[in-house]
Amino acid sequence: MRFPRSPRSIFGGSNPVLTLIILSAVLYLLFNTLYPAIKLNDREAAPRAVTARGDLAPDEQNTIEVFREASPSVVYITSIALQRNLFNLNVYKIPKGTGSGFVWDKEGRIVTNYHVISDANRIEVTLADHTNWKASLVGAAPDRDIAVLRISAPADKLRPIMIGNSDNLQVGQKVFAIGNPFGLDQTLTTGVVSALGREIKAETGRTIRNVIQTDAAINPGNSGGPLLDSAGRLIGVNTAIYSPSGTNSGIGFAVPAHEVNRVVPQIIQHGKTFRPGLGISIANQRLTRELNLEGLLILNVELDSAAAKAGLRGTRQVRGGLILGDIILAVNKTPIQNYNQLRDEVERYKVGASVVLTLLRDNRRVDVSVLLEAI
């Protein structure tokens, strides 16, 4: 009797190649049944219809308007160092750094940060129309990180920025920063006033008070550019960021506009700023510690100074020792412990203002009024 062959002998036992071909065909048919082939190209393809969006939101319209009005006032600043080749004595121009600034007036004066141009041998200013101009330094206030430049551009190329009021700012108020971060000119970033009354250090080590804190992105290259309110007015000059990496971390700082508007006219008039002072010299901290004194010991009172007119006493050297002068303990009841505190407190007031100094004199506390003078 003859028996039928098993499936194995039919498909795999005698001819494995045939079995593989049959299985492949079955799988191909099954795959194409479940997943039909997708046509990759279509000769009749055409652009899609554009969906109408309607009017821009009021907030967007305000942002666009602020940039349109203020951006022509913003400039790009390049500081250049001159280096002489030791072999052929040729002088080469080497870019030292970049920053931002803004047009102050039609006479070609440009305001920026002092630290942007402090080490430059030559300064170039690029206006919003991309024309380049050689700039001269009018003057600076390093303690306020403010510098004023001047270019010879015609008045019709210059659009002075609008000046605002930084005294009535509120936390949460919308702000705009325009500048040239990483050399990318005419860049706009937005944010809010994050805090008011901050303090930062200038390059000189002096404290800049009442600084504006913002979360508007401020990166290297933004320094010296304007911080604007929603009316497009200057409310601050972007000066610093708080970041371990040196790039924006959501914490930027700007010198307030009221301080800029006070300092810039003085620089234009005199090439420097005049600050209120007393006309005295103070003992250094080492001597004060050695004498075990609290407060600031007056070493010398200048002739015809505000301090001399108020009767302040300096330290005198006599045979066998010293007769200590007045020791300043407070200014208008604010305790003073070091020279920076004294200078910062005095500079809260204008030249000609009267302040009350609390002194230690002959082991007694006395109050003396002094009219501040320009120094």
Protein backbone atom coordinates (compact mmCIF):
# COMPACT_ATOMS: atom_id res chain seq x y z
CA MET A 1 0.00 0.00 0.00
CA ARG A 2 1.29 3.54 -0.86
CA PHE A 3 0.83 6.43 1.60
CA PRO A 4 0.64 10.19 0.71
CA ARG A 5 3.67 12.32 1.39
CA SER A 6 3.76 14.46 4.50
CA PRO A 7 3.63 18.28 4.11
CA ARG A 8 7.18 18.45 5.26
CA SER A 9 8.43 16.28 2.45
CA ILE A 10 6.44 18.33 -0.07
CA PHE A 11 7.63 21.83 1.02
CA GLY A 12 10.87 21.41 2.77
CA GLY A 13 12.21 17.94 2.67
CA SER A 14 13.17 17.50 -0.96
CA ASN A 15 13.45 21.15 -2.23
CA PRO A 16 14.11 23.88 0.40
CA VAL A 17 14.65 26.54 -2.32
CA LEU A 18 11.16 26.03 -3.65
CA THR A 19 9.77 26.22 -0.12
CA LEU A 20 11.52 29.56 0.46
CA ILE A 21 10.15 31.02 -2.82
CA ILE A 22 6.60 29.95 -1.99
CA LEU A 23 6.77 31.40 1.54
CA SER A 24 8.19 34.69 0.21
CA ALA A 25 5.38 35.00 -2.30
CA VAL A 26 2.76 34.33 0.38
CA LEU A 27 4.26 36.95 2.70
CA TYR A 28 4.48 39.52 -0.15
CA LEU A 29 0.81 39.03 -1.05
CA LEU A 30 -0.22 39.19 2.60
CA PHE A 31 1.77 42.43 3.22
CA ASN A 32 0.38 44.18 0.14
CA THR A 33 -3.14 43.16 1.12
CA LEU A 34 -2.79 44.58 4.64
CA TYR A 35 -0.61 47.60 3.71
CA PRO A 36 -1.31 48.85 0.21
CA ALA A 37 1.59 50.66 -1.46
CA ILE A 38 1.69 54.45 -0.88
CA LYS A 39 2.15 56.59 -3.94
CA LEU A 40 5.11 58.86 -3.17
CA ASN A 41 4.75 61.30 -6.02
CA ASP A 42 1.71 63.12 -7.35
CA ARG A 43 2.05 65.11 -10.59
CA GLU A 44 -1.15 67.03 -9.78
CA ALA A 45 0.13 68.44 -6.42
CA ALA A 46 -0.47 72.19 -5.95
CA PRO A 47 0.04 74.78 -3.16
CA ARG A 48 -2.50 74.57 -0.35
CA ALA A 49 -4.96 77.37 0.29
CA VAL A 50 -3.81 79.91 2.88
CA THR A 51 -5.99 80.18 5.97
CA ALA A 52 -6.93 83.75 6.82
CA ARG A 53 -5.88 84.78 10.32
CA GLY A 54 -7.57 88.13 10.83
CA ASP A 55 -6.03 91.08 12.64
CA LEU A 56 -2.97 90.77 14.85
CA ALA A 57 -3.62 90.75 18.57
CA PRO A 58 -3.30 94.17 20.28
CA ASP A 59 -0.25 92.94 22.19
CA GLU A 60 1.44 91.89 18.94
CA GLN A 61 0.60 95.19 17.31
CA ASN A 62 2.15 97.06 20.22
CA THR A 63 5.36 95.01 20.02
CA ILE A 64 5.66 95.63 16.28
CA GLU A 65 5.03 99.35 16.70
CA VAL A 66 7.63 99.68 19.47
CA PHE A 67 10.27 97.98 17.34
CA ARG A 68 9.37 99.97 14.23
CA GLU A 69 9.67 103.28 16.08
CA ALA A 70 12.70 102.55 18.28
CA SER A 71 14.95 100.34 16.13
CA PRO A 72 16.22 103.21 13.92
CA SER A 73 17.66 104.77 17.09
CA VAL A 74 19.69 101.67 18.02
CA VAL A 75 23.30 101.35 16.83
CA TYR A 76 25.92 98.62 16.68
CA ILE A 77 29.26 99.45 18.31
CA THR A 78 32.58 97.79 17.52
CA SER A 79 35.59 98.51 19.69
CA ILE A 80 38.92 98.01 17.94
CA ALA A 81 42.42 97.56 19.34
CA LEU A 82 45.45 98.64 17.33
CA GLN A 83 48.36 96.20 17.35
CA ARG A 84 51.80 96.73 15.80
CA ASN A 85 53.59 93.88 14.07
CA LEU A 86 57.00 93.39 15.72
CA PHE A 87 58.70 92.43 12.45
CA ASN A 88 57.51 94.99 9.90
CA LEU A 89 56.05 97.59 12.34
CA ASN A 90 52.74 97.66 10.46
CA VAL A 91 49.69 98.52 12.55
CA TYR A 92 46.71 96.18 12.39
CA LYS A 93 43.13 96.73 13.54
CA ILE A 94 41.86 93.88 15.71
CA PRO A 95 38.18 93.75 16.80
CA LYS A 96 38.16 93.92 20.57
CA GLY A 97 34.48 93.55 21.30
CA THR A 98 30.98 94.54 20.27
CA GLY A 99 28.04 96.15 21.94
CA SER A 100 25.00 98.28 21.41
CA GLY A 101 24.07 101.90 21.88
CA PHE A 102 21.46 104.45 20.88
CA VAL A 103 21.23 107.89 19.30
CA TRP A 104 20.94 110.63 21.93
CA ASP A 105 20.53 113.72 19.74
CA LYS A 106 20.70 115.08 16.21
CA GLU A 107 24.28 116.29 16.81
CA GLY A 108 25.55 112.71 16.51
CA ARG A 109 25.97 111.80 20.17
CA ILE A 110 25.66 108.11 20.97
CA VAL A 111 25.13 106.64 24.46
CA THR A 112 26.47 103.21 25.41
CA ASN A 113 28.05 101.36 28.33
CA TYR A 114 31.50 102.42 29.44
CA HIS A 115 32.68 98.80 29.61
CA VAL A 116 31.87 98.35 25.89
CA ILE A 117 34.51 100.89 24.83
CA SER A 118 36.83 101.14 27.84
CA ASP A 119 39.78 99.26 26.27
CA ALA A 120 39.32 100.41 22.68
CA ASN A 121 41.90 102.30 20.62
CA ARG A 122 39.28 102.98 17.99
CA ILE A 123 35.49 102.85 17.97
CA GLU A 124 33.15 102.33 15.03
CA VAL A 125 29.39 102.88 15.07
CA THR A 126 27.02 101.20 12.62
CA LEU A 127 23.66 102.90 12.23
CA ALA A 128 20.40 101.10 11.52
CA ASP A 129 20.85 101.82 7.79
CA HIS A 130 24.15 99.85 7.95
CA THR A 131 26.38 102.88 7.35
CA ASN A 132 29.62 102.87 9.38
CA TRP A 133 31.04 105.89 11.19
CA LYS A 134 34.20 106.48 13.15
CA ALA A 135 33.34 107.58 16.69
CA SER A 136 35.15 109.83 19.16
CA LEU A 137 34.79 109.57 22.92
CA VAL A 138 33.09 112.65 24.38
CA GLY A 139 33.44 111.46 27.95
CA ALA A 140 32.35 108.80 30.41
CA ALA A 141 31.05 108.09 33.88
CA PRO A 142 32.78 104.78 34.70
CA ASP A 143 31.08 104.59 38.11
CA ARG A 144 27.73 104.56 36.31
CA ASP A 145 28.91 102.44 33.34
CA ILE A 146 27.85 105.20 30.93
CA ALA A 147 29.85 106.61 28.00
CA VAL A 148 29.00 109.18 25.33
CA LEU A 149 30.42 108.95 21.80
CA ARG A 150 30.06 111.28 18.83
CA ILE A 151 29.90 110.57 15.11
CA SER A 152 29.81 112.94 12.15
CA ALA A 153 26.69 111.49 10.52
CA PRO A 154 24.26 114.04 9.03
CA ALA A 155 21.18 114.88 11.08
CA ASP A 156 18.78 113.23 8.63
CA LYS A 157 20.40 109.85 9.39
CA LEU A 158 19.94 110.24 13.15
CA ARG A 159 16.76 109.48 15.06
CA PRO A 160 17.14 110.28 18.79
CA ILE A 161 15.47 107.82 21.12
CA MET A 162 12.49 108.94 23.18
CA ILE A 163 13.30 109.39 26.88
CA GLY A 164 10.93 107.89 29.45
CA ASN A 165 10.52 107.99 33.21
CA SER A 166 12.04 105.19 35.26
CA ASP A 167 10.86 106.57 38.61
CA ASN A 168 7.34 105.16 38.32
CA LEU A 169 8.07 101.69 36.95
CA GLN A 170 6.16 98.73 38.36
CA VAL A 171 7.14 95.09 38.70
CA GLY A 172 5.34 93.14 35.99
CA GLN A 173 5.37 96.02 33.51
CA LYS A 174 6.16 94.91 29.96
CA VAL A 175 9.59 95.88 28.58
CA PHE A 176 11.53 95.48 25.33
CA ALA A 177 15.28 95.21 24.73
CA ILE A 178 16.80 96.01 21.34
CA GLY A 179 20.46 95.32 20.64
CA ASN A 180 23.04 93.26 18.85
CA PRO A 181 23.52 89.99 20.79
CA PHE A 182 26.39 87.89 19.40
CA GLY A 183 26.71 90.40 16.54
CA LEU A 184 23.13 89.82 15.31
CA ASP A 185 22.05 93.41 14.79
CA GLN A 186 18.57 94.84 15.41
CA THR A 187 17.42 91.96 17.63
CA LEU A 188 14.27 92.44 19.72
CA THR A 189 13.53 90.55 22.94
CA THR A 190 10.61 91.04 25.30
CA GLY A 191 9.95 90.52 28.97
CA VAL A 192 8.81 92.27 32.12
CA VAL A 193 10.27 94.31 34.92
CA SER A 194 11.24 91.51 37.32
CA ALA A 195 12.39 93.69 40.23
CA LEU A 196 13.35 97.25 41.11
CA GLY A 197 15.97 98.81 43.36
CA ARG A 198 18.70 96.26 42.64
CA GLU A 199 22.40 97.01 43.10
CA ILE A 200 25.25 95.93 40.81
CA LYS A 201 28.96 96.69 40.65
CA ALA A 202 30.47 98.86 37.93
CA GLU A 203 33.91 98.07 36.45
CA THR A 204 35.39 100.50 38.97
CA GLY A 205 33.98 98.49 41.87
CA ARG A 206 31.46 101.22 42.71
CA THR A 207 27.87 100.30 43.46
CA ILE A 208 25.21 101.33 40.93
CA ARG A 209 21.95 101.72 42.83
CA ASN A 210 18.28 101.47 41.85
CA VAL A 211 19.04 99.20 38.91
CA ILE A 212 16.16 97.63 36.95
CA GLN A 213 16.01 93.82 36.81
CA THR A 214 14.33 92.23 33.78
CA ASP A 215 13.78 88.79 32.30
CA ALA A 216 13.99 90.13 28.72
CA ALA A 217 16.83 88.16 27.10
CA ILE A 218 20.06 90.16 27.40
CA ASN A 219 23.13 88.46 25.93
CA PRO A 220 26.71 89.52 25.15
CA GLY A 221 26.41 92.31 22.60
CA ASN A 222 23.24 93.74 24.15
CA SER A 223 25.29 95.88 26.55
CA GLY A 224 24.63 99.58 26.01
CA GLY A 225 21.35 99.02 24.19
CA PRO A 226 18.03 100.49 25.30
CA LEU A 227 15.43 98.95 27.57
CA LEU A 228 12.04 100.34 26.48
CA ASP A 229 8.54 100.53 27.90
CA SER A 230 5.41 99.74 25.90
CA ALA A 231 5.34 103.33 24.62
CA GLY A 232 8.78 102.84 23.05
CA ARG A 233 10.46 105.20 25.53
CA LEU A 234 13.89 104.64 27.08
CA ILE A 235 13.56 103.44 30.68
CA GLY A 236 17.04 101.95 31.09
CA VAL A 237 20.38 101.07 29.51
CA ASN A 238 21.06 97.32 29.44
CA THR A 239 24.34 96.79 31.24
CA ALA A 240 24.76 93.33 32.73
CA ILE A 241 23.47 89.80 33.04
CA TYR A 242 23.65 87.37 35.92
CA SER A 243 24.85 84.10 34.41
CA PRO A 244 27.65 81.63 35.22
CA SER A 245 27.89 80.81 31.48
CA GLY A 246 27.89 84.42 30.28
CA THR A 247 24.67 84.00 28.30
CA ASN A 248 21.11 84.94 29.16
CA SER A 249 19.66 83.17 32.22
CA GLY A 250 16.54 85.26 32.66
CA ILE A 251 18.23 87.85 34.90
CA GLY A 252 19.37 91.04 33.22
CA PHE A 253 20.03 94.52 34.62
CA ALA A 254 19.65 98.04 33.26
CA VAL A 255 20.82 101.43 34.55
CA PRO A 256 17.62 103.48 35.07
CA ALA A 257 16.79 106.23 32.59
CA HIS A 258 16.57 108.98 35.22
CA GLU A 259 20.22 108.33 36.11
CA VAL A 260 21.21 108.28 32.43
CA ASN A 261 19.35 111.54 31.82
CA ARG A 262 21.20 113.13 34.73
CA VAL A 263 24.67 111.89 33.79
CA VAL A 264 24.69 112.28 29.99
CA PRO A 265 24.18 116.10 29.91
CA GLN A 266 27.09 116.51 32.36
CA ILE A 267 29.34 114.39 30.14
CA ILE A 268 28.31 116.40 27.08
CA GLN A 269 28.99 119.69 28.89
CA HIS A 270 32.21 118.82 30.72
CA GLY A 271 33.48 115.46 29.42
CA LYS A 272 32.90 113.98 32.86
CA THR A 273 30.39 113.99 35.69
CA PHE A 274 30.40 116.06 38.83
CA ARG A 275 29.22 114.33 41.93
CA PRO A 276 28.29 115.77 45.31
CA GLY A 277 30.99 115.60 47.97
CA LEU A 278 32.25 116.98 51.25
CA GLY A 279 35.86 117.95 50.48
CA ILE A 280 37.55 115.63 52.97
CA SER A 281 40.00 112.74 52.96
CA ILE A 282 39.34 109.64 55.05
CA ALA A 283 41.70 107.31 56.93
CA ASN A 284 42.06 103.87 55.42
CA GLN A 285 40.50 100.83 57.01
CA ARG A 286 43.80 99.51 58.36
CA LEU A 287 44.47 102.64 60.40
CA THR A 288 40.87 102.71 61.62
CA ARG A 289 41.18 99.13 62.87
CA GLU A 290 44.52 99.84 64.54
CA LEU A 291 42.98 102.76 66.42
CA ASN A 292 39.97 100.58 67.30
CA LEU A 293 37.53 103.11 65.89
CA GLU A 294 34.01 102.72 64.57
CA GLY A 295 33.02 104.95 61.67
CA LEU A 296 35.24 106.97 59.33
CA LEU A 297 38.08 109.09 60.67
CA ILE A 298 38.58 112.42 58.85
CA LEU A 299 42.27 112.89 58.09
CA ASN A 300 42.15 116.19 56.20
CA VAL A 301 39.65 118.95 55.47
CA GLU A 302 40.28 120.85 52.23
CA LEU A 303 40.47 124.65 52.40
CA ASP A 304 37.24 126.45 51.46
CA SER A 305 35.48 123.11 51.03
CA ALA A 306 31.95 122.29 52.14
CA ALA A 307 33.39 120.45 55.11
CA ALA A 308 35.60 123.42 56.10
CA LYS A 309 32.65 125.81 55.91
CA ALA A 310 30.65 123.48 58.16
CA GLY A 311 33.46 123.35 60.72
CA LEU A 312 34.49 119.72 60.33
CA ARG A 313 37.81 118.86 61.92
CA GLY A 314 40.69 116.89 60.46
CA THR A 315 43.32 114.85 62.29
CA ARG A 316 46.36 116.79 63.50
CA GLN A 317 49.82 115.52 64.29
CA VAL A 318 51.45 116.99 67.39
CA ARG A 319 54.59 116.20 69.29
CA GLY A 320 54.10 112.83 70.88
CA GLY A 321 51.06 111.69 68.95
CA LEU A 322 47.87 112.51 67.05
CA ILE A 323 44.83 114.57 67.84
CA LEU A 324 42.04 112.68 66.13
CA GLY A 325 39.66 114.55 63.90
CA ASP A 326 35.93 114.06 63.63
CA ILE A 327 34.68 110.51 63.11
CA ILE A 328 31.70 110.18 60.76
CA LEU A 329 29.11 107.77 62.15
CA ALA A 330 26.08 108.47 59.95
CA VAL A 331 24.69 110.55 57.09
CA ASN A 332 21.08 111.63 57.61
CA LYS A 333 20.82 108.92 60.28
CA THR A 334 22.07 106.17 57.92
CA PRO A 335 25.00 104.38 59.64
CA ILE A 336 28.32 104.56 57.78
CA GLN A 337 31.03 101.92 58.16
CA ASN A 338 33.27 102.36 55.12
CA TYR A 339 34.19 104.87 52.43
CA ASN A 340 32.01 103.29 49.72
CA GLN A 341 28.97 103.58 51.96
CA LEU A 342 29.77 107.24 52.63
CA ARG A 343 30.17 108.03 48.93
CA ASP A 344 27.05 106.10 47.93
CA GLU A 345 24.97 107.80 50.60
CA VAL A 346 26.20 111.29 49.74
CA GLU A 347 25.53 110.68 46.04
CA ARG A 348 21.86 110.10 46.77
CA TYR A 349 21.62 113.89 46.93
CA LYS A 350 22.30 116.71 44.50
CA VAL A 351 25.07 119.29 44.63
CA GLY A 352 23.91 122.07 46.97
CA ALA A 353 21.71 119.79 49.06
CA SER A 354 22.10 119.83 52.84
CA VAL A 355 22.92 116.61 54.71
CA VAL A 356 23.31 116.02 58.42
CA LEU A 357 26.47 114.22 59.51
CA THR A 358 26.48 112.47 62.85
CA LEU A 359 30.02 112.81 64.21
CA LEU A 360 32.00 111.56 67.17
CA ARG A 361 33.90 114.62 68.41
CA ASP A 362 35.79 114.72 71.71
CA ASN A 363 33.97 111.54 72.74
CA ARG A 364 30.56 113.18 72.16
CA ARG A 365 28.04 112.63 69.37
CA VAL A 366 27.19 115.82 67.50
CA ASP A 367 25.12 116.54 64.40
CA VAL A 368 26.49 118.96 61.80
CA SER A 369 24.76 120.17 58.62
CA VAL A 370 26.87 120.32 55.46
CA LEU A 371 25.96 121.77 52.04
CA LEU A 372 27.28 119.32 49.43
CA GLU A 373 29.67 120.69 46.81
CA ALA A 374 30.61 119.47 43.34
CA ILE A 375 33.80 117.41 43.23
